[in-house]
Structures are given as structure tokens and as C-alpha cells.
C-alpha atoms as a PDB file:
ATOM      1  CA  MET A   1      -4.881  -9.005 -11.918  1.00  0.00           C
ATOM      2  CA  ALA A   2      -6.364  -8.695  -8.752  1.00  0.00           C
ATOM      3  CA  ASP A   3      -7.476  -5.345  -6.804  1.00  0.00           C
ATOM      4  CA  ILE A   4      -5.094  -5.336  -3.737  1.00  0.00           C
ATOM      5  CA  VAL A   5      -5.711  -2.716  -0.842  1.00  0.00           C
ATOM      6  CA  MET A   6      -3.009  -2.693   1.962  1.00  0.00           C
ATOM      7  CA  TYR A   7      -3.641  -0.427   5.233  1.00  0.00           C
ATOM      8  CA  THR A   8      -0.084   0.378   6.252  1.00  0.00           C
ATOM      9  CA  THR A   9       2.230   2.875   8.392  1.00  0.00           C
ATOM     10  CA  PRO A  10       5.526   4.006   7.075  1.00  0.00           C
ATOM     11  CA  VAL A  11       7.368   2.725  10.246  1.00  0.00           C
ATOM     12  CA  CYS A  12       5.764  -0.949  10.007  1.00  0.00           C
ATOM     13  CA  PRO A  13       8.584  -3.791   9.386  1.00  0.00           C
ATOM     14  CA  TYR A  14       5.759  -6.254   8.544  1.00  0.00           C
ATOM     15  CA  CYS A  15       4.114  -3.821   6.083  1.00  0.00           C
ATOM     16  CA  VAL A  16       7.718  -3.605   4.286  1.00  0.00           C
ATOM     17  CA  ARG A  17       7.954  -7.556   4.235  1.00  0.00           C
ATOM     18  CA  ALA A  18       4.506  -7.826   2.969  1.00  0.00           C
ATOM     19  CA  LYS A  19       5.331  -4.996   0.160  1.00  0.00           C
ATOM     20  CA  HIS A  20       8.558  -7.037  -0.899  1.00  0.00           C
ATOM     21  CA  LEU A  21       6.774 -10.365  -1.312  1.00  0.00           C
ATOM     22  CA  LEU A  22       3.842  -8.443  -3.404  1.00  0.00           C
ATOM     23  CA  LYS A  23       6.811  -6.457  -5.580  1.00  0.00           C
ATOM     24  CA  GLN A  24       8.471 -10.133  -6.272  1.00  0.00           C
ATOM     25  CA  LYS A  25       5.065 -11.216  -7.685  1.00  0.00           C
ATOM     26  CA  GLY A  26       5.092  -8.133  -9.734  1.00  0.00           C
ATOM     27  CA  VAL A  27       1.776  -7.110  -8.691  1.00  0.00           C
ATOM     28  CA  THR A  28       0.423  -3.566  -7.710  1.00  0.00           C
ATOM     29  CA  TRP A  29      -1.742  -2.509  -4.595  1.00  0.00           C
ATOM     30  CA  THR A  30      -3.261   0.284  -3.130  1.00  0.00           C
ATOM     31  CA  GLU A  31      -1.793   1.430   0.079  1.00  0.00           C
ATOM     32  CA  VAL A  32      -3.845   3.318   2.748  1.00  0.00           C
ATOM     33  CA  ASP A  33      -1.504   4.836   5.393  1.00  0.00           C
ATOM     34  CA  VAL A  34      -3.644   4.986   8.642  1.00  0.00           C
ATOM     35  CA  SER A  35      -0.610   6.463  10.643  1.00  0.00           C
ATOM     36  CA  ARG A  36      -2.097  10.077  10.799  1.00  0.00           C
ATOM     37  CA  ASP A  37      -5.370   9.347   9.333  1.00  0.00           C
ATOM     38  CA  ALA A  38      -7.842   8.658  12.211  1.00  0.00           C
ATOM     39  CA  GLU A  39     -10.788   8.285   9.978  1.00  0.00           C
ATOM     40  CA  ALA A  40      -8.797   5.557   7.717  1.00  0.00           C
ATOM     41  CA  ARG A  41      -8.116   4.053  11.149  1.00  0.00           C
ATOM     42  CA  MET A  42     -11.444   3.744  11.991  1.00  0.00           C
ATOM     43  CA  ALA A  43     -12.714   2.347   8.918  1.00  0.00           C
ATOM     44  CA  LEU A  44      -9.729  -0.479   8.911  1.00  0.00           C
ATOM     45  CA  MET A  45     -11.139  -1.122  12.583  1.00  0.00           C
ATOM     46  CA  ALA A  46     -14.345  -1.378  11.433  1.00  0.00           C
ATOM     47  CA  ARG A  47     -13.957  -3.540   8.297  1.00  0.00           C
ATOM     48  CA  THR A  48     -11.294  -5.887  10.150  1.00  0.00           C
ATOM     49  CA  LYS A  49     -11.777  -6.019  13.714  1.00  0.00           C
ATOM     50  CA  GLN A  50      -7.952  -5.321  13.949  1.00  0.00           C
ATOM     51  CA  ARG A  51      -5.945  -2.604  14.719  1.00  0.00           C
ATOM     52  CA  THR A  52      -2.495  -4.100  13.566  1.00  0.00           C
ATOM     53  CA  VAL A  53      -0.976  -3.366  10.125  1.00  0.00           C
ATOM     54  CA  PRO A  54      -0.608  -4.230   7.695  1.00  0.00           C
ATOM     55  CA  GLN A  55      -3.826  -5.519   6.710  1.00  0.00           C
ATOM     56  CA  ILE A  56      -4.556  -6.811   3.484  1.00  0.00           C
ATOM     57  CA  PHE A  57      -7.303  -7.431   0.971  1.00  0.00           C
ATOM     58  CA  ILE A  58      -6.883  -9.160  -2.071  1.00  0.00           C
ATOM     59  CA  ASN A  59     -10.242  -8.593  -4.422  1.00  0.00           C
ATOM     60  CA  ASP A  60     -12.280  -7.511  -1.172  1.00  0.00           C
ATOM     61  CA  GLN A  61     -11.377 -10.672   0.599  1.00  0.00           C
ATOM     62  CA  HIS A  62      -9.549  -9.821   3.875  1.00  0.00           C
ATOM     63  CA  VAL A  63      -6.430 -12.078   3.864  1.00  0.00           C
ATOM     64  CA  GLY A  64      -4.953 -10.752   7.155  1.00  0.00           C
ATOM     65  CA  GLY A  65      -1.480  -9.356   7.817  1.00  0.00           C
ATOM     66  CA  SER A  66       2.254  -9.968   6.502  1.00  0.00           C
ATOM     67  CA  ASP A  67       2.442 -13.332   8.253  1.00  0.00           C
ATOM     68  CA  ASP A  68      -0.928 -14.416   6.820  1.00  0.00           C
ATOM     69  CA  LEU A  69       0.090 -13.586   3.171  1.00  0.00           C
ATOM     70  CA  TYR A  70       3.526 -15.600   3.530  1.00  0.00           C
ATOM     71  CA  ALA A  71       1.454 -18.303   4.718  1.00  0.00           C
ATOM     72  CA  LEU A  72      -0.669 -18.156   1.521  1.00  0.00           C
ATOM     73  CA  GLU A  73       2.605 -18.361  -0.737  1.00  0.00           C
ATOM     74  CA  ARG A  74       3.939 -21.308   1.409  1.00  0.00           C
ATOM     75  CA  ALA A  75       0.586 -23.397   0.577  1.00  0.00           C
ATOM     76  CA  GLY A  76       0.753 -22.435  -2.836  1.00  0.00           C
ATOM     77  CA  LYS A  77      -2.652 -20.275  -2.800  1.00  0.00           C
ATOM     78  CA  LEU A  78      -1.459 -16.738  -3.360  1.00  0.00           C
ATOM     79  CA  ASP A  79      -0.768 -16.962  -6.860  1.00  0.00           C
ATOM     80  CA  ALA A  80      -4.294 -18.060  -7.631  1.00  0.00           C
ATOM     81  CA  LEU A  81      -5.544 -14.923  -5.533  1.00  0.00           C
ATOM     82  CA  LEU A  82      -3.499 -12.683  -7.254  1.00  0.00           C
ATOM     83  CA  ALA A  83      -4.498 -14.228 -10.775  1.00  0.00           C
ATOM     84  CA  GLY A  84      -8.078 -13.216  -9.864  1.00  0.00           C
END
């Protein structure tokens, strides 16, 4: 099973959307809430050069945000990443 890490905030609708798709896929992930953790937010920005959430990593590969995750699903590529 894939190692998934998702950087999120509690009030982010895109985070909720990404989590919904991953739940549908039956996978688990590690969630890093950056809303009140300046150190985690800085780590996110250093790792991705992005400030927005969610930022999703599958097996240490940055796949992007919610729209990117859904694009992988539409392209038929998400299941292969999740199996990895």
C-alpha cells in the first residue's frame, strides 16, 4: 500500500474533497494540519514551493492538490500510484 501524506487545514473544502476521493479508494493517509503549526507550514513551503492546501504526496512523490488528484483519477493513473 502507498504511503500518503496530505498537508491540510480544517476549513479547506479542497482538503475535504481530496480526503473524500482517498476514502472512496479505501486508502489511509497521514494528515499534517498546517493551520496552527508555523513550522509545518514552513516545511510544506520548502518541500513544495506552494502555500495552498491540500498538498498531497504519494510515496514521496508530490502529486499536487485536490484538482491534481482528481485529474490523476480521470486519467486512470491514480490506482497505480496507490498500489505502489
